[in-house]
N, C-alpha and C. Protein backbone atom coordinates (compact mmCIF):
# COMPACT_ATOMS: atom_id res chain seq x y z
N MET A 1 -8.93 -32.60 2.04
CA MET A 1 -8.76 -31.93 3.33
C MET A 1 -9.10 -30.45 3.17
N VAL A 2 -9.96 -29.93 4.03
CA VAL A 2 -10.37 -28.54 3.98
C VAL A 2 -9.39 -27.68 4.76
N ARG A 3 -8.88 -26.62 4.11
CA ARG A 3 -7.97 -25.71 4.78
C ARG A 3 -8.77 -24.69 5.57
N MET A 4 -8.48 -24.59 6.85
CA MET A 4 -9.19 -23.64 7.69
C MET A 4 -8.63 -22.24 7.45
N PRO A 5 -9.48 -21.22 7.38
CA PRO A 5 -9.00 -19.86 7.18
C PRO A 5 -8.16 -19.38 8.33
N LYS A 6 -7.15 -18.59 8.01
CA LYS A 6 -6.31 -18.00 9.05
C LYS A 6 -7.07 -16.85 9.73
N ASN A 7 -6.51 -16.39 10.84
CA ASN A 7 -7.12 -15.32 11.61
C ASN A 7 -7.06 -14.01 10.82
N SER A 8 -8.22 -13.43 10.53
CA SER A 8 -8.26 -12.18 9.79
C SER A 8 -8.61 -11.00 10.67
N VAL A 9 -8.45 -11.14 11.98
CA VAL A 9 -8.69 -10.05 12.92
C VAL A 9 -7.56 -9.03 12.77
N THR A 10 -7.91 -7.74 12.67
CA THR A 10 -6.89 -6.71 12.51
C THR A 10 -6.32 -6.29 13.86
N THR A 11 -5.01 -6.07 13.88
CA THR A 11 -4.33 -5.56 15.06
C THR A 11 -3.35 -4.48 14.63
N GLU A 12 -2.98 -3.63 15.57
CA GLU A 12 -1.99 -2.60 15.28
C GLU A 12 -0.63 -3.27 15.05
N ALA A 13 0.07 -2.86 14.01
CA ALA A 13 1.39 -3.42 13.73
C ALA A 13 2.45 -2.69 14.53
N THR A 14 3.40 -3.43 15.07
CA THR A 14 4.52 -2.85 15.81
C THR A 14 5.81 -3.20 15.10
N PHE A 15 6.89 -2.57 15.51
CA PHE A 15 8.17 -2.84 14.86
C PHE A 15 8.63 -4.29 15.08
N ASP A 16 8.10 -4.94 16.10
CA ASP A 16 8.41 -6.36 16.28
C ASP A 16 7.83 -7.20 15.15
N ASP A 17 6.85 -6.65 14.44
CA ASP A 17 6.21 -7.35 13.33
C ASP A 17 6.90 -7.10 11.99
N ALA A 18 7.98 -6.33 11.98
CA ALA A 18 8.57 -5.87 10.72
C ALA A 18 8.95 -7.01 9.79
N GLU A 19 9.57 -8.05 10.32
CA GLU A 19 10.01 -9.16 9.46
C GLU A 19 8.80 -9.88 8.87
N ALA A 20 7.80 -10.15 9.70
CA ALA A 20 6.62 -10.86 9.23
C ALA A 20 5.86 -10.03 8.20
N ILE A 21 5.73 -8.73 8.46
CA ILE A 21 5.01 -7.86 7.53
C ILE A 21 5.74 -7.77 6.20
N SER A 22 7.05 -7.58 6.22
CA SER A 22 7.80 -7.46 4.97
C SER A 22 7.75 -8.75 4.17
N ARG A 23 7.75 -9.88 4.86
CA ARG A 23 7.65 -11.17 4.17
C ARG A 23 6.26 -11.33 3.52
N THR A 24 5.22 -10.98 4.27
CA THR A 24 3.85 -11.06 3.75
C THR A 24 3.66 -10.17 2.53
N LEU A 25 4.11 -8.92 2.63
CA LEU A 25 3.92 -7.99 1.53
C LEU A 25 4.76 -8.34 0.31
N ALA A 26 5.93 -8.93 0.54
CA ALA A 26 6.75 -9.38 -0.60
C ALA A 26 6.00 -10.44 -1.40
N LEU A 27 5.33 -11.34 -0.72
CA LEU A 27 4.54 -12.36 -1.41
C LEU A 27 3.31 -11.74 -2.07
N ALA A 28 2.68 -10.79 -1.36
CA ALA A 28 1.46 -10.17 -1.88
C ALA A 28 1.71 -9.38 -3.16
N PHE A 29 2.88 -8.74 -3.25
CA PHE A 29 3.15 -7.85 -4.38
C PHE A 29 4.06 -8.47 -5.44
N ASP A 30 4.28 -9.77 -5.36
CA ASP A 30 5.15 -10.42 -6.34
C ASP A 30 4.65 -10.26 -7.77
N ASP A 31 3.33 -10.24 -7.96
CA ASP A 31 2.78 -10.14 -9.31
C ASP A 31 2.25 -8.74 -9.62
N ASP A 32 2.54 -7.77 -8.77
CA ASP A 32 2.08 -6.41 -9.01
C ASP A 32 2.91 -5.76 -10.13
N PRO A 33 2.27 -5.18 -11.14
CA PRO A 33 3.01 -4.62 -12.27
C PRO A 33 4.07 -3.59 -11.88
N MET A 34 3.75 -2.73 -10.92
CA MET A 34 4.73 -1.73 -10.53
C MET A 34 5.92 -2.36 -9.83
N MET A 35 5.67 -3.32 -8.94
CA MET A 35 6.77 -3.96 -8.24
C MET A 35 7.63 -4.80 -9.20
N ARG A 36 7.01 -5.36 -10.20
CA ARG A 36 7.78 -6.11 -11.21
C ARG A 36 8.60 -5.16 -12.08
N TRP A 37 8.14 -3.94 -12.21
CA TRP A 37 8.90 -2.93 -12.94
C TRP A 37 10.11 -2.48 -12.13
N PHE A 38 9.91 -2.34 -10.82
CA PHE A 38 11.02 -1.96 -9.95
C PHE A 38 11.99 -3.11 -9.71
N PHE A 39 11.46 -4.33 -9.65
CA PHE A 39 12.27 -5.53 -9.36
C PHE A 39 12.04 -6.54 -10.47
N PRO A 40 12.66 -6.35 -11.63
CA PRO A 40 12.35 -7.18 -12.81
C PRO A 40 12.89 -8.60 -12.77
N GLU A 41 13.88 -8.87 -11.93
CA GLU A 41 14.50 -10.20 -11.92
C GLU A 41 13.74 -11.16 -11.01
N ASP A 42 13.24 -12.25 -11.59
CA ASP A 42 12.48 -13.22 -10.80
C ASP A 42 13.30 -13.78 -9.64
N SER A 43 14.57 -14.00 -9.87
CA SER A 43 15.40 -14.67 -8.87
C SER A 43 15.69 -13.82 -7.64
N THR A 44 15.59 -12.51 -7.77
CA THR A 44 15.93 -11.63 -6.65
C THR A 44 14.74 -10.78 -6.18
N ARG A 45 13.59 -10.94 -6.83
CA ARG A 45 12.47 -10.04 -6.51
C ARG A 45 12.01 -10.18 -5.06
N GLU A 46 11.83 -11.41 -4.59
CA GLU A 46 11.29 -11.57 -3.24
C GLU A 46 12.22 -10.94 -2.21
N ALA A 47 13.51 -11.16 -2.34
CA ALA A 47 14.47 -10.58 -1.38
C ALA A 47 14.43 -9.06 -1.46
N GLY A 48 14.37 -8.52 -2.68
CA GLY A 48 14.32 -7.08 -2.85
C GLY A 48 13.06 -6.49 -2.26
N LEU A 49 11.92 -7.15 -2.51
CA LEU A 49 10.66 -6.66 -1.97
C LEU A 49 10.63 -6.72 -0.45
N ARG A 50 11.22 -7.73 0.12
CA ARG A 50 11.25 -7.82 1.58
C ARG A 50 12.04 -6.66 2.17
N ARG A 51 13.17 -6.33 1.59
CA ARG A 51 13.95 -5.18 2.06
C ARG A 51 13.20 -3.88 1.84
N TYR A 52 12.55 -3.77 0.69
CA TYR A 52 11.80 -2.57 0.33
C TYR A 52 10.68 -2.30 1.34
N PHE A 53 9.84 -3.30 1.61
CA PHE A 53 8.72 -3.09 2.52
C PHE A 53 9.20 -2.95 3.97
N HIS A 54 10.29 -3.61 4.31
CA HIS A 54 10.86 -3.44 5.65
C HIS A 54 11.26 -1.99 5.86
N THR A 55 11.89 -1.39 4.86
CA THR A 55 12.31 0.00 4.96
C THR A 55 11.11 0.94 5.02
N LEU A 56 10.12 0.72 4.16
CA LEU A 56 8.92 1.57 4.18
C LEU A 56 8.24 1.53 5.54
N PHE A 57 8.16 0.35 6.13
CA PHE A 57 7.47 0.21 7.41
C PHE A 57 8.27 0.84 8.55
N THR A 58 9.55 0.49 8.65
CA THR A 58 10.33 0.92 9.80
C THR A 58 10.79 2.37 9.73
N ARG A 59 10.90 2.92 8.52
CA ARG A 59 11.44 4.27 8.39
C ARG A 59 10.38 5.31 7.99
N GLN A 60 9.23 4.87 7.51
CA GLN A 60 8.20 5.83 7.09
C GLN A 60 6.87 5.58 7.78
N TYR A 61 6.16 4.57 7.30
CA TYR A 61 4.78 4.42 7.71
C TYR A 61 4.61 3.95 9.15
N GLY A 62 5.55 3.17 9.64
CA GLY A 62 5.47 2.75 11.03
C GLY A 62 5.70 3.89 12.00
N LEU A 63 6.34 4.96 11.54
CA LEU A 63 6.62 6.12 12.37
C LEU A 63 5.53 7.18 12.26
N HIS A 64 4.98 7.35 11.06
CA HIS A 64 4.09 8.49 10.82
C HIS A 64 2.72 8.09 10.27
N GLY A 65 2.45 6.80 10.18
CA GLY A 65 1.19 6.35 9.64
C GLY A 65 0.41 5.50 10.62
N VAL A 66 -0.64 4.89 10.11
CA VAL A 66 -1.44 3.92 10.86
C VAL A 66 -1.24 2.59 10.18
N CYS A 67 -0.55 1.68 10.84
CA CYS A 67 -0.19 0.39 10.25
C CYS A 67 -0.89 -0.73 11.00
N GLU A 68 -1.58 -1.57 10.25
CA GLU A 68 -2.32 -2.67 10.84
C GLU A 68 -2.00 -3.96 10.09
N ARG A 69 -2.27 -5.06 10.75
CA ARG A 69 -1.99 -6.35 10.14
C ARG A 69 -2.99 -7.39 10.59
N THR A 70 -3.04 -8.49 9.84
CA THR A 70 -3.71 -9.72 10.27
C THR A 70 -2.63 -10.80 10.25
N ASP A 71 -3.04 -12.05 10.36
CA ASP A 71 -2.06 -13.13 10.30
C ASP A 71 -1.42 -13.26 8.93
N ALA A 72 -2.07 -12.71 7.88
CA ALA A 72 -1.56 -12.93 6.53
C ALA A 72 -1.68 -11.71 5.63
N ALA A 73 -1.78 -10.52 6.22
CA ALA A 73 -1.92 -9.31 5.41
C ALA A 73 -1.48 -8.11 6.23
N ALA A 74 -1.26 -6.99 5.53
CA ALA A 74 -0.86 -5.76 6.20
C ALA A 74 -1.33 -4.56 5.38
N ALA A 75 -1.52 -3.44 6.07
CA ALA A 75 -1.93 -2.20 5.41
C ALA A 75 -1.24 -1.03 6.08
N PHE A 76 -0.80 -0.08 5.25
CA PHE A 76 -0.19 1.16 5.74
C PHE A 76 -1.06 2.33 5.29
N TRP A 77 -1.54 3.11 6.23
CA TRP A 77 -2.37 4.29 5.96
C TRP A 77 -1.64 5.53 6.48
N VAL A 78 -1.94 6.68 5.86
CA VAL A 78 -1.37 7.93 6.34
C VAL A 78 -2.48 8.96 6.49
N PRO A 79 -2.79 9.36 7.74
CA PRO A 79 -3.78 10.41 7.94
C PRO A 79 -3.17 11.78 7.60
N PRO A 80 -3.98 12.82 7.50
CA PRO A 80 -3.45 14.12 7.09
C PRO A 80 -2.28 14.61 7.93
N GLU A 81 -2.35 14.42 9.23
CA GLU A 81 -1.32 14.96 10.11
C GLU A 81 0.03 14.26 9.94
N GLY A 82 0.05 13.11 9.27
CA GLY A 82 1.32 12.40 9.10
C GLY A 82 1.91 12.51 7.71
N GLN A 83 1.22 13.17 6.80
CA GLN A 83 1.64 13.10 5.39
C GLN A 83 2.94 13.85 5.10
N GLU A 84 3.13 15.00 5.70
CA GLU A 84 4.40 15.70 5.49
C GLU A 84 5.55 14.96 6.15
N LYS A 85 5.32 14.39 7.32
CA LYS A 85 6.36 13.68 8.03
C LYS A 85 6.73 12.36 7.35
N ALA A 86 5.76 11.78 6.63
CA ALA A 86 5.99 10.47 6.00
C ALA A 86 6.82 10.56 4.73
N VAL A 87 7.14 11.75 4.26
CA VAL A 87 8.01 11.90 3.11
C VAL A 87 9.40 11.38 3.49
N PRO A 88 10.01 10.52 2.66
CA PRO A 88 11.31 9.92 3.03
C PRO A 88 12.39 10.97 3.26
N ASP A 89 13.16 10.80 4.34
CA ASP A 89 14.30 11.68 4.55
C ASP A 89 15.48 11.18 3.71
N ALA A 90 16.59 11.92 3.76
CA ALA A 90 17.74 11.61 2.90
C ALA A 90 18.28 10.20 3.15
N GLU A 91 18.31 9.79 4.41
CA GLU A 91 18.84 8.47 4.74
C GLU A 91 17.93 7.37 4.20
N THR A 92 16.62 7.59 4.29
CA THR A 92 15.67 6.61 3.76
C THR A 92 15.77 6.53 2.25
N VAL A 93 15.88 7.68 1.60
CA VAL A 93 16.03 7.70 0.14
C VAL A 93 17.27 6.92 -0.27
N GLN A 94 18.37 7.10 0.45
CA GLN A 94 19.60 6.38 0.11
C GLN A 94 19.42 4.88 0.31
N GLU A 95 18.73 4.50 1.37
CA GLU A 95 18.49 3.08 1.63
C GLU A 95 17.64 2.47 0.51
N LEU A 96 16.61 3.18 0.08
CA LEU A 96 15.77 2.69 -1.01
C LEU A 96 16.56 2.61 -2.32
N GLN A 97 17.43 3.56 -2.57
CA GLN A 97 18.26 3.52 -3.77
C GLN A 97 19.18 2.31 -3.76
N ASP A 98 19.73 2.00 -2.58
CA ASP A 98 20.59 0.82 -2.47
C ASP A 98 19.81 -0.46 -2.74
N ILE A 99 18.57 -0.51 -2.29
CA ILE A 99 17.73 -1.69 -2.50
C ILE A 99 17.37 -1.84 -3.97
N LEU A 100 17.03 -0.72 -4.61
CA LEU A 100 16.55 -0.75 -5.99
C LEU A 100 17.67 -0.82 -7.02
N GLY A 101 18.87 -0.45 -6.66
CA GLY A 101 20.00 -0.54 -7.58
C GLY A 101 19.77 0.29 -8.84
N ASP A 102 19.92 -0.34 -9.99
CA ASP A 102 19.78 0.41 -11.24
C ASP A 102 18.33 0.76 -11.57
N ARG A 103 17.39 0.35 -10.74
CA ARG A 103 15.98 0.74 -10.92
C ARG A 103 15.62 1.94 -10.04
N ALA A 104 16.59 2.50 -9.35
CA ALA A 104 16.31 3.61 -8.44
C ALA A 104 15.77 4.83 -9.18
N GLU A 105 16.29 5.11 -10.37
CA GLU A 105 15.82 6.25 -11.13
C GLU A 105 14.37 6.05 -11.56
N ALA A 106 14.02 4.83 -11.95
CA ALA A 106 12.63 4.54 -12.31
C ALA A 106 11.71 4.77 -11.12
N PHE A 107 12.17 4.37 -9.94
CA PHE A 107 11.39 4.58 -8.73
C PHE A 107 11.21 6.07 -8.46
N ARG A 108 12.27 6.84 -8.59
CA ARG A 108 12.20 8.27 -8.32
C ARG A 108 11.20 8.96 -9.26
N THR A 109 11.27 8.63 -10.53
CA THR A 109 10.35 9.27 -11.48
C THR A 109 8.91 8.84 -11.23
N ALA A 110 8.72 7.60 -10.81
CA ALA A 110 7.36 7.14 -10.50
C ALA A 110 6.79 7.88 -9.30
N VAL A 111 7.61 8.07 -8.27
CA VAL A 111 7.15 8.80 -7.09
C VAL A 111 6.81 10.24 -7.46
N GLU A 112 7.65 10.86 -8.28
CA GLU A 112 7.39 12.24 -8.68
C GLU A 112 6.12 12.35 -9.52
N ALA A 113 5.92 11.39 -10.41
CA ALA A 113 4.72 11.41 -11.26
C ALA A 113 3.46 11.25 -10.42
N ALA A 114 3.49 10.31 -9.46
CA ALA A 114 2.33 10.11 -8.59
C ALA A 114 2.10 11.34 -7.72
N GLY A 115 3.19 11.98 -7.28
CA GLY A 115 3.07 13.15 -6.41
C GLY A 115 2.40 14.33 -7.08
N GLU A 116 2.48 14.40 -8.40
CA GLU A 116 1.83 15.49 -9.13
C GLU A 116 0.32 15.45 -9.01
N HIS A 117 -0.20 14.28 -8.65
CA HIS A 117 -1.65 14.12 -8.55
C HIS A 117 -2.13 14.02 -7.10
N THR A 118 -1.25 14.37 -6.16
CA THR A 118 -1.65 14.33 -4.76
C THR A 118 -2.79 15.31 -4.52
N PRO A 119 -3.88 14.86 -3.96
CA PRO A 119 -5.03 15.75 -3.75
C PRO A 119 -4.72 16.87 -2.76
N LYS A 120 -5.34 18.03 -2.99
CA LYS A 120 -5.13 19.18 -2.12
C LYS A 120 -6.00 19.11 -0.87
N GLU A 121 -7.15 18.47 -0.97
CA GLU A 121 -8.05 18.41 0.19
C GLU A 121 -7.48 17.50 1.27
N PRO A 122 -7.78 17.76 2.53
CA PRO A 122 -7.37 16.85 3.60
C PRO A 122 -7.93 15.45 3.34
N HIS A 123 -7.13 14.44 3.56
CA HIS A 123 -7.57 13.08 3.24
C HIS A 123 -6.70 12.05 3.96
N TRP A 124 -7.19 10.83 3.97
CA TRP A 124 -6.39 9.69 4.37
C TRP A 124 -5.84 9.07 3.08
N TYR A 125 -4.62 8.56 3.18
CA TYR A 125 -3.97 7.94 2.03
C TYR A 125 -3.69 6.48 2.34
N LEU A 126 -4.17 5.61 1.48
CA LEU A 126 -3.87 4.18 1.61
C LEU A 126 -2.62 3.90 0.81
N ALA A 127 -1.49 3.79 1.49
CA ALA A 127 -0.21 3.61 0.81
C ALA A 127 0.01 2.18 0.35
N VAL A 128 -0.35 1.22 1.21
CA VAL A 128 -0.08 -0.19 0.92
C VAL A 128 -1.16 -1.04 1.56
N VAL A 129 -1.67 -2.01 0.83
CA VAL A 129 -2.48 -3.08 1.42
C VAL A 129 -2.24 -4.34 0.59
N GLY A 130 -1.98 -5.44 1.26
CA GLY A 130 -1.73 -6.68 0.54
C GLY A 130 -1.86 -7.88 1.44
N ALA A 131 -2.29 -8.98 0.84
CA ALA A 131 -2.43 -10.25 1.55
C ALA A 131 -1.62 -11.32 0.85
N ALA A 132 -1.06 -12.23 1.60
CA ALA A 132 -0.31 -13.33 1.02
C ALA A 132 -1.22 -14.15 0.11
N PRO A 133 -0.72 -14.61 -1.03
CA PRO A 133 -1.57 -15.37 -1.97
C PRO A 133 -2.27 -16.57 -1.33
N SER A 134 -1.64 -17.21 -0.36
CA SER A 134 -2.25 -18.38 0.28
C SER A 134 -3.49 -18.02 1.09
N ALA A 135 -3.68 -16.71 1.37
CA ALA A 135 -4.83 -16.27 2.17
C ALA A 135 -5.87 -15.54 1.34
N HIS A 136 -5.71 -15.51 0.03
CA HIS A 136 -6.70 -14.82 -0.81
C HIS A 136 -8.08 -15.44 -0.63
N GLY A 137 -9.08 -14.58 -0.57
CA GLY A 137 -10.45 -15.05 -0.43
C GLY A 137 -10.86 -15.34 1.00
N GLN A 138 -9.97 -15.07 1.95
CA GLN A 138 -10.28 -15.36 3.36
C GLN A 138 -10.61 -14.10 4.16
N GLY A 139 -10.71 -12.96 3.48
CA GLY A 139 -11.18 -11.76 4.14
C GLY A 139 -10.14 -10.88 4.79
N HIS A 140 -8.86 -11.19 4.59
CA HIS A 140 -7.81 -10.40 5.25
C HIS A 140 -7.75 -8.97 4.72
N GLY A 141 -7.67 -8.83 3.40
CA GLY A 141 -7.62 -7.50 2.82
C GLY A 141 -8.86 -6.69 3.13
N ALA A 142 -10.01 -7.33 3.07
CA ALA A 142 -11.27 -6.65 3.36
C ALA A 142 -11.31 -6.16 4.80
N ALA A 143 -10.82 -6.98 5.73
CA ALA A 143 -10.82 -6.59 7.14
C ALA A 143 -9.95 -5.36 7.37
N LEU A 144 -8.78 -5.35 6.73
CA LEU A 144 -7.88 -4.20 6.87
C LEU A 144 -8.48 -2.96 6.22
N LEU A 145 -9.11 -3.14 5.08
CA LEU A 145 -9.71 -2.00 4.40
C LEU A 145 -10.84 -1.41 5.24
N ARG A 146 -11.70 -2.26 5.78
CA ARG A 146 -12.80 -1.76 6.61
C ARG A 146 -12.29 -1.01 7.83
N SER A 147 -11.23 -1.50 8.43
CA SER A 147 -10.69 -0.86 9.62
C SER A 147 -10.19 0.55 9.31
N GLY A 148 -9.39 0.69 8.25
CA GLY A 148 -8.87 2.00 7.90
C GLY A 148 -9.96 2.95 7.43
N LEU A 149 -10.89 2.44 6.64
CA LEU A 149 -11.97 3.29 6.14
C LEU A 149 -12.85 3.78 7.29
N ALA A 150 -13.04 2.96 8.29
CA ALA A 150 -13.84 3.38 9.44
C ALA A 150 -13.17 4.55 10.16
N GLN A 151 -11.84 4.51 10.24
CA GLN A 151 -11.12 5.61 10.89
C GLN A 151 -11.21 6.90 10.07
N ALA A 152 -11.10 6.77 8.75
CA ALA A 152 -11.25 7.94 7.89
C ALA A 152 -12.67 8.49 7.97
N ASP A 153 -13.66 7.60 7.99
CA ASP A 153 -15.05 8.04 8.09
C ASP A 153 -15.29 8.76 9.42
N ALA A 154 -14.69 8.24 10.48
CA ALA A 154 -14.86 8.88 11.79
C ALA A 154 -14.30 10.30 11.79
N ALA A 155 -13.26 10.52 10.97
CA ALA A 155 -12.69 11.86 10.85
C ALA A 155 -13.40 12.70 9.80
N GLY A 156 -14.36 12.09 9.09
CA GLY A 156 -15.10 12.81 8.07
C GLY A 156 -14.26 13.13 6.84
N LEU A 157 -13.31 12.26 6.51
CA LEU A 157 -12.38 12.55 5.44
C LEU A 157 -12.42 11.49 4.33
N PRO A 158 -12.15 11.90 3.09
CA PRO A 158 -12.06 10.93 1.99
C PRO A 158 -10.76 10.15 2.06
N VAL A 159 -10.67 9.11 1.25
CA VAL A 159 -9.47 8.28 1.17
C VAL A 159 -9.01 8.22 -0.28
N TYR A 160 -7.70 8.29 -0.49
CA TYR A 160 -7.12 8.18 -1.82
C TYR A 160 -6.16 6.99 -1.85
N LEU A 161 -6.00 6.42 -3.04
CA LEU A 161 -5.01 5.38 -3.26
C LEU A 161 -4.62 5.38 -4.73
N GLU A 162 -3.50 4.70 -5.03
CA GLU A 162 -3.12 4.41 -6.41
C GLU A 162 -2.93 2.90 -6.53
N SER A 163 -3.30 2.36 -7.69
CA SER A 163 -3.13 0.94 -7.96
C SER A 163 -2.58 0.74 -9.35
N SER A 164 -1.64 -0.19 -9.48
CA SER A 164 -1.11 -0.52 -10.81
C SER A 164 -1.59 -1.89 -11.27
N LYS A 165 -2.52 -2.47 -10.51
CA LYS A 165 -3.01 -3.80 -10.84
C LYS A 165 -4.50 -3.72 -11.19
N PRO A 166 -4.85 -3.83 -12.46
CA PRO A 166 -6.25 -3.65 -12.85
C PRO A 166 -7.21 -4.63 -12.19
N ASP A 167 -6.72 -5.84 -11.87
CA ASP A 167 -7.59 -6.82 -11.23
C ASP A 167 -8.08 -6.35 -9.86
N ASN A 168 -7.35 -5.40 -9.24
CA ASN A 168 -7.74 -4.92 -7.91
C ASN A 168 -8.80 -3.83 -7.94
N LEU A 169 -9.03 -3.23 -9.09
CA LEU A 169 -9.96 -2.11 -9.15
C LEU A 169 -11.37 -2.49 -8.70
N PRO A 170 -11.93 -3.63 -9.15
CA PRO A 170 -13.28 -3.99 -8.67
C PRO A 170 -13.34 -4.19 -7.15
N PHE A 171 -12.25 -4.68 -6.57
CA PHE A 171 -12.20 -4.85 -5.11
C PHE A 171 -12.35 -3.50 -4.43
N TYR A 172 -11.60 -2.51 -4.88
CA TYR A 172 -11.70 -1.18 -4.28
C TYR A 172 -13.06 -0.54 -4.57
N GLU A 173 -13.57 -0.75 -5.76
CA GLU A 173 -14.89 -0.19 -6.10
C GLU A 173 -15.97 -0.76 -5.18
N HIS A 174 -15.83 -2.01 -4.78
CA HIS A 174 -16.78 -2.64 -3.86
C HIS A 174 -16.85 -1.87 -2.54
N PHE A 175 -15.75 -1.24 -2.17
CA PHE A 175 -15.71 -0.48 -0.91
C PHE A 175 -15.97 1.00 -1.13
N GLY A 176 -16.42 1.38 -2.30
CA GLY A 176 -16.85 2.74 -2.53
C GLY A 176 -15.86 3.64 -3.24
N PHE A 177 -14.73 3.10 -3.67
CA PHE A 177 -13.76 3.92 -4.39
C PHE A 177 -14.22 4.14 -5.83
N GLU A 178 -13.91 5.31 -6.34
CA GLU A 178 -14.17 5.63 -7.74
C GLU A 178 -12.86 6.02 -8.41
N THR A 179 -12.69 5.60 -9.65
CA THR A 179 -11.47 5.93 -10.39
C THR A 179 -11.50 7.38 -10.83
N LEU A 180 -10.43 8.10 -10.49
CA LEU A 180 -10.31 9.51 -10.88
C LEU A 180 -9.61 9.66 -12.23
N GLY A 181 -8.67 8.76 -12.50
CA GLY A 181 -7.92 8.85 -13.74
C GLY A 181 -6.89 7.75 -13.82
N GLU A 182 -6.27 7.66 -14.98
CA GLU A 182 -5.22 6.67 -15.17
C GLU A 182 -4.16 7.26 -16.08
N GLY A 183 -2.95 6.76 -15.93
CA GLY A 183 -1.86 7.22 -16.78
C GLY A 183 -0.67 6.30 -16.67
N GLN A 184 0.11 6.27 -17.71
CA GLN A 184 1.30 5.42 -17.72
C GLN A 184 2.46 6.15 -17.07
N LEU A 185 3.18 5.45 -16.22
CA LEU A 185 4.33 6.05 -15.56
C LEU A 185 5.45 6.30 -16.57
N PRO A 186 6.27 7.31 -16.33
CA PRO A 186 7.34 7.65 -17.27
C PRO A 186 8.31 6.50 -17.49
N GLY A 187 8.96 6.51 -18.63
CA GLY A 187 9.98 5.51 -18.92
C GLY A 187 9.45 4.15 -19.27
N GLY A 188 8.20 4.10 -19.76
CA GLY A 188 7.63 2.81 -20.12
C GLY A 188 7.11 2.02 -18.95
N GLY A 189 6.81 2.70 -17.86
CA GLY A 189 6.29 2.02 -16.68
C GLY A 189 4.85 1.57 -16.85
N PRO A 190 4.31 0.90 -15.84
CA PRO A 190 2.94 0.40 -15.92
C PRO A 190 1.92 1.51 -15.78
N THR A 191 0.68 1.20 -16.07
CA THR A 191 -0.43 2.14 -15.88
C THR A 191 -0.75 2.23 -14.40
N LEU A 192 -1.02 3.45 -13.96
CA LEU A 192 -1.36 3.70 -12.56
C LEU A 192 -2.75 4.33 -12.51
N TRP A 193 -3.64 3.74 -11.71
CA TRP A 193 -4.99 4.26 -11.53
C TRP A 193 -5.06 4.99 -10.19
N SER A 194 -5.58 6.20 -10.19
CA SER A 194 -5.82 6.92 -8.94
C SER A 194 -7.29 6.81 -8.59
N MET A 195 -7.57 6.59 -7.30
CA MET A 195 -8.93 6.34 -6.86
C MET A 195 -9.23 7.15 -5.60
N ARG A 196 -10.52 7.49 -5.44
CA ARG A 196 -10.97 8.25 -4.29
C ARG A 196 -12.26 7.64 -3.74
N ARG A 197 -12.36 7.65 -2.43
CA ARG A 197 -13.60 7.23 -1.76
C ARG A 197 -14.04 8.37 -0.85
N ALA A 198 -15.24 8.86 -1.04
CA ALA A 198 -15.78 9.93 -0.19
C ALA A 198 -16.06 9.40 1.21
N ALA A 199 -15.95 10.29 2.17
CA ALA A 199 -16.27 9.92 3.56
C ALA A 199 -17.73 9.52 3.66
N ARG A 200 -17.98 8.56 4.51
CA ARG A 200 -19.36 8.09 4.73
C ARG A 200 -19.76 8.35 6.16
N THR A 201 -21.04 8.56 6.34
CA THR A 201 -21.61 8.70 7.69
C THR A 201 -22.42 7.47 8.00
N ALA A 202 -22.90 7.39 9.23
CA ALA A 202 -23.69 6.23 9.63
C ALA A 202 -24.94 6.09 8.78
N THR A 203 -25.47 7.20 8.31
CA THR A 203 -26.70 7.15 7.51
C THR A 203 -26.42 6.67 6.09
N ASP A 204 -25.14 6.69 5.68
CA ASP A 204 -24.79 6.20 4.35
C ASP A 204 -24.70 4.69 4.30
N ALA A 205 -24.48 4.07 5.44
CA ALA A 205 -24.24 2.62 5.47
C ALA A 205 -25.49 1.86 5.02
């Protein structure tokens, strides 16, 4: 029996989508090295990741970013005008600490380490993109990436991201990202790759 691909059309994500998005991203990031470092227990990882992404969406990126989804994937982007506002406030930090438990300190040091490499030039930031494993190869991640990159290109701005999953690097390179550097997160954390994609014009296509 041939499985028909799910709908990979991108739509704007709303807070009504929070449960579906957090569930999708929890599945998408189950094997991500950084998420496994933050949530090391197999038995509780999915529940923890669902709470984690729910908080990121409803308290940060859904308020100050550009959030889009398909039937089986989601992406959170932050344009320049939203980057200062998207920094977690005290209540959000406390909520994340409660979710992470004894891994909260590891999370804090990871955020600080990544923040040291935040680019100074105006840019779009790809905070999160992930597709449920059952939808891999069906174009969901690619559709979301193209949508966000088109918006950054329209603004004439580059895009930055970090990835802790080496298997994803060729995927990003296919869309024009170049690796700027790599480094291991403090405390024995995973390797993090920083990547940049220059803005493209119609003549570049």
